Amino acid sequence: MRAVIEVQGLHAGRGGVPVVRDLDMDVEEGELVALLGPNGAGKTTTLLALSGILPALAGRVAVLGTVVRVGATARLARRGLAHVPEERCLFPGLSVDEHLRLAGVRGPADRRRVLDQLPVLEPLLDRRAGLLSGGEQQQLALALALARRPRALLVDELSHGLAPRLVERLLPVLGRLAHEEGVAVLMVEQHVQAALRVAGRAAVLRQGRLVLQGRASDLLERRQELEAAYLGDDRA
């Protein structure tokens, strides 16, 4: 397998002040990696640097074989990178179907492919996005990314504001996308246990630095070490 997302010695932040420091990680084709950590650890900053929205202050970031430069977001999207931000970024006055068409869905077969993965949206095609529940809006935001047939997908807090039962239904969609369609998926997630159950690997950031990483199934068994990584215990 080849690395689709490559991060080497990344320092990134706003206004020249690094929030993420000396980060090394990668995501391979067909792999789902969970990026975990407490609030303010630098998880969202990492995704923004991968998308070319924030500059890399030092180090190297490459996605789909292209070195990421700030402002290269549109070019990365054309190469196959999709980013689902924590803010859903929808148009309240447009319907679900209009959103899908704006995202490039063309014809019944293409629409069927997206709706089979997120069936809750099918009866809502004519409903305006502003009238959807939080969970429905989050699924629409994910559908817009899937509509583009991404080769690499960044997902920031898909579960934000959602009930645990909905989180348990949504996160496996990302797992299937990786395992069945070969997409490289990097997801930031606060529901740690749910994330570790669907991810192949996981990495924990604290204060901008990588403090723990490994196979997700192993980290599920290393609960005390995982908690120590979050809390700042030097034994992590």
Protein backbone atom coordinates (compact mmCIF):
# COMPACT_ATOMS: atom_id res chain seq x y z
CA MET A 1 0.00 0.00 0.00
CA ARG A 2 1.20 3.52 -0.70
CA ALA A 3 0.87 6.58 1.49
CA VAL A 4 -1.75 8.97 0.14
CA ILE A 5 -1.32 11.50 2.95
CA GLU A 6 2.24 12.16 4.13
CA VAL A 7 3.24 14.47 6.97
CA GLN A 8 6.91 14.94 7.90
CA GLY A 9 8.08 17.29 10.64
CA LEU A 10 5.02 19.51 10.31
CA HIS A 11 4.82 22.76 12.25
CA ALA A 12 1.56 24.62 11.56
CA GLY A 13 -0.54 27.37 13.09
CA ARG A 14 -1.89 30.87 12.58
CA GLY A 15 0.01 34.13 12.44
CA GLY A 16 3.35 32.36 12.37
CA VAL A 17 2.73 30.78 15.79
CA PRO A 18 2.90 26.97 15.68
CA VAL A 19 0.06 25.00 17.23
CA VAL A 20 1.21 21.70 15.76
CA ARG A 21 4.88 20.86 16.26
CA ASP A 22 7.13 18.31 14.58
CA LEU A 23 4.27 16.03 13.48
CA ASP A 24 5.05 12.87 11.49
CA MET A 25 2.22 10.66 10.24
CA ASP A 26 0.78 9.08 7.11
CA VAL A 27 -2.43 7.54 5.82
CA GLU A 28 -2.34 4.81 3.22
CA GLU A 29 -4.76 4.01 0.44
CA GLY A 30 -7.76 2.14 1.87
CA GLU A 31 -6.90 3.07 5.46
CA LEU A 32 -8.91 4.90 8.12
CA VAL A 33 -6.78 6.73 10.70
CA ALA A 34 -8.30 8.46 13.73
CA LEU A 35 -6.64 11.64 14.97
CA LEU A 36 -7.53 12.02 18.64
CA GLY A 37 -6.72 14.35 21.50
CA PRO A 38 -8.18 16.92 23.91
CA ASN A 39 -9.59 20.25 22.78
CA GLY A 40 -6.86 22.59 21.58
CA ALA A 41 -4.43 19.77 20.80
CA GLY A 42 -3.98 20.86 17.16
CA LYS A 43 -6.21 18.35 15.39
CA THR A 44 -8.19 20.82 13.30
CA THR A 45 -5.03 22.80 12.56
CA THR A 46 -3.51 19.62 11.14
CA LEU A 47 -6.44 19.08 8.78
CA LEU A 48 -6.35 22.72 7.65
CA ALA A 49 -2.65 22.40 6.85
CA LEU A 50 -3.34 19.22 4.88
CA SER A 51 -5.97 21.07 2.85
CA GLY A 52 -3.70 24.01 2.09
CA ILE A 53 -5.88 26.40 4.10
CA LEU A 54 -3.16 27.05 6.68
CA PRO A 55 0.53 27.18 5.77
CA ALA A 56 3.10 24.68 6.94
CA LEU A 57 5.54 26.78 8.99
CA ALA A 58 8.08 23.98 8.71
CA GLY A 59 8.20 20.42 7.47
CA ARG A 60 6.59 18.77 4.47
CA VAL A 61 2.99 17.81 3.71
CA ALA A 62 1.99 15.87 0.59
CA VAL A 63 -1.44 14.62 -0.46
CA LEU A 64 -1.98 12.36 -3.48
CA GLY A 65 1.62 12.87 -4.52
CA THR A 66 1.36 16.67 -4.49
CA VAL A 67 3.28 18.83 -2.01
CA VAL A 68 0.67 20.97 -0.25
CA ARG A 69 1.11 24.74 -0.46
CA VAL A 70 -1.15 27.29 1.18
CA GLY A 71 -3.87 28.35 -1.26
CA ALA A 72 -3.71 25.08 -3.21
CA THR A 73 -7.10 23.90 -1.92
CA ALA A 74 -8.88 23.95 -5.29
CA ARG A 75 -6.05 22.09 -7.02
CA LEU A 76 -6.03 19.45 -4.29
CA ALA A 77 -9.79 19.04 -4.64
CA ARG A 78 -9.41 18.43 -8.37
CA ARG A 79 -6.84 15.73 -7.62
CA GLY A 80 -9.27 13.97 -5.29
CA LEU A 81 -9.05 15.50 -1.81
CA ALA A 82 -12.29 16.20 0.05
CA HIS A 83 -12.60 17.91 3.43
CA VAL A 84 -15.65 17.76 5.71
CA PRO A 85 -15.18 20.59 8.24
CA GLU A 86 -16.77 20.72 11.67
CA GLU A 87 -18.90 23.62 10.42
CA ARG A 88 -21.31 22.02 7.97
CA CYS A 89 -21.02 24.81 5.37
CA LEU A 90 -24.44 24.25 3.79
CA PHE A 91 -26.79 26.65 2.00
CA PRO A 92 -29.92 26.86 4.20
CA GLY A 93 -32.23 27.79 1.33
CA LEU A 94 -31.18 24.99 -1.02
CA SER A 95 -32.68 21.51 -0.95
CA VAL A 96 -30.76 18.32 -0.32
CA ASP A 97 -31.04 17.42 -4.00
CA GLU A 98 -29.78 20.85 -5.07
CA HIS A 99 -26.77 20.42 -2.79
CA LEU A 100 -26.01 17.05 -4.35
CA ARG A 101 -26.24 18.47 -7.86
CA LEU A 102 -23.93 21.33 -6.92
CA ALA A 103 -21.47 18.71 -5.63
CA GLY A 104 -21.46 17.00 -9.02
CA VAL A 105 -24.09 14.27 -8.72
CA ARG A 106 -25.34 13.58 -12.22
CA GLY A 107 -28.11 11.10 -13.00
CA PRO A 108 -29.96 8.42 -11.02
CA ALA A 109 -27.05 5.98 -10.75
CA ASP A 110 -24.74 8.60 -9.25
CA ARG A 111 -27.44 9.72 -6.81
CA ARG A 112 -28.14 6.09 -5.88
CA ARG A 113 -24.47 5.52 -5.04
CA VAL A 114 -24.50 8.36 -2.50
CA LEU A 115 -27.92 7.59 -1.01
CA ASP A 116 -27.07 3.92 -0.52
CA GLN A 117 -24.35 5.03 1.89
CA LEU A 118 -26.53 7.65 3.65
CA PRO A 119 -30.12 6.39 3.18
CA VAL A 120 -31.59 8.82 5.72
CA LEU A 121 -31.28 11.53 3.05
CA GLU A 122 -33.43 9.81 0.44
CA PRO A 123 -36.84 10.95 1.78
CA LEU A 124 -35.40 14.42 2.37
CA LEU A 125 -34.26 15.25 -1.17
CA ASP A 126 -36.77 18.08 -1.56
CA ARG A 127 -36.24 19.51 1.94
CA ARG A 128 -34.20 22.68 2.40
CA ALA A 129 -30.97 22.22 4.32
CA GLY A 130 -31.99 24.85 6.88
CA LEU A 131 -34.93 22.66 7.92
CA LEU A 132 -32.85 19.54 8.52
CA SER A 133 -31.91 18.32 11.99
CA GLY A 134 -28.28 18.55 13.09
CA GLY A 135 -27.72 14.90 12.32
CA GLU A 136 -29.30 15.21 8.89
CA GLN A 137 -27.17 18.26 8.10
CA GLN A 138 -24.04 16.40 9.13
CA GLN A 139 -24.95 13.50 6.87
CA LEU A 140 -25.60 15.89 3.99
CA ALA A 141 -22.16 17.46 4.51
CA LEU A 142 -20.64 13.99 4.30
CA ALA A 143 -22.74 13.16 1.23
CA LEU A 144 -21.33 16.21 -0.56
CA ALA A 145 -17.83 14.88 0.01
CA LEU A 146 -18.77 11.38 -1.15
CA ALA A 147 -20.40 12.81 -4.27
CA ARG A 148 -16.97 13.93 -5.45
CA ARG A 149 -15.62 10.35 -5.37
CA PRO A 150 -12.61 11.37 -3.25
CA ARG A 151 -9.34 9.48 -3.13
CA ALA A 152 -8.41 11.17 0.16
CA LEU A 153 -10.91 12.39 2.76
CA LEU A 154 -10.41 14.61 5.82
CA VAL A 155 -13.28 14.61 8.33
CA ASP A 156 -13.38 16.99 11.29
CA GLU A 157 -15.69 15.97 14.16
CA LEU A 158 -18.38 14.18 12.16
CA SER A 159 -20.10 13.39 15.46
CA HIS A 160 -20.21 17.03 16.66
CA GLY A 161 -23.52 17.65 18.43
CA LEU A 162 -24.92 14.22 17.57
CA ALA A 163 -26.49 11.59 19.80
CA PRO A 164 -24.26 8.55 20.51
CA ARG A 165 -26.60 6.19 18.64
CA LEU A 166 -26.23 8.30 15.49
CA VAL A 167 -22.46 8.40 15.90
CA GLU A 168 -22.43 4.60 15.99
CA ARG A 169 -24.25 4.57 12.64
CA LEU A 170 -22.26 7.30 10.93
CA LEU A 171 -18.64 6.42 11.69
CA PRO A 172 -18.86 2.97 10.01
CA VAL A 173 -19.70 4.80 6.77
CA LEU A 174 -16.14 6.12 6.84
CA GLY A 175 -14.82 2.63 7.50
CA ARG A 176 -16.66 1.23 4.49
CA LEU A 177 -15.45 4.09 2.33
CA ALA A 178 -11.86 3.22 3.20
CA HIS A 179 -12.10 -0.56 3.05
CA GLU A 180 -14.46 -0.97 0.09
CA GLU A 181 -13.51 2.00 -2.09
CA GLY A 182 -9.84 2.37 -1.19
CA VAL A 183 -10.12 5.95 0.07
CA ALA A 184 -7.47 7.24 2.49
CA VAL A 185 -9.49 8.67 5.41
CA LEU A 186 -8.14 10.82 8.24
CA MET A 187 -10.79 11.68 10.80
CA VAL A 188 -10.66 13.92 13.85
CA GLU A 189 -13.02 12.58 16.47
CA GLN A 190 -13.92 13.20 20.13
CA HIS A 191 -15.91 9.96 20.54
CA VAL A 192 -12.75 7.99 21.24
CA GLN A 193 -14.15 4.50 21.73
CA ALA A 194 -16.42 4.72 18.67
CA ALA A 195 -13.53 6.02 16.58
CA LEU A 196 -11.18 3.24 17.68
CA ARG A 197 -13.76 0.61 16.80
CA VAL A 198 -13.84 1.65 13.13
CA ALA A 199 -10.28 2.93 12.55
CA GLY A 200 -7.30 0.84 11.56
CA ARG A 201 -4.78 3.07 13.29
CA ALA A 202 -4.97 6.03 15.65
CA ALA A 203 -2.75 8.88 16.77
CA VAL A 204 -3.15 11.10 19.85
CA LEU A 205 -2.08 14.75 19.87
CA ARG A 206 -1.54 16.77 23.03
CA GLN A 207 -0.41 20.39 22.97
CA GLY A 208 0.43 20.06 19.30
CA ARG A 209 2.69 17.02 19.63
CA LEU A 210 2.16 13.37 18.83
CA VAL A 211 2.22 11.53 22.15
CA LEU A 212 0.75 8.12 21.30
CA GLN A 213 0.01 6.11 18.18
CA GLY A 214 -0.65 2.54 17.18
CA ARG A 215 -3.21 0.09 15.91
CA ALA A 216 -6.68 1.15 16.98
CA SER A 217 -7.51 -2.31 18.30
CA ASP A 218 -4.41 -2.20 20.51
CA LEU A 219 -5.24 1.25 21.88
CA LEU A 220 -8.71 0.02 22.79
CA GLU A 221 -7.01 -2.48 25.10
CA ARG A 222 -4.54 0.09 26.48
CA ARG A 223 -7.15 2.25 28.20
CA GLN A 224 -4.90 3.57 30.99
CA GLU A 225 -2.16 4.55 28.54
CA LEU A 226 -4.73 6.27 26.32
CA GLU A 227 -6.16 8.22 29.24
CA ALA A 228 -2.65 9.21 30.33
CA ALA A 229 -1.97 10.57 26.83
CA TYR A 230 -5.03 12.80 27.09
CA LEU A 231 -4.30 13.99 30.61
CA GLY A 232 -0.62 14.70 30.15
CA ASP A 233 0.75 11.92 32.33
CA ASP A 234 4.43 11.46 31.43
CA ARG A 235 3.98 7.70 31.51
CA ALA A 236 1.99 7.87 28.21
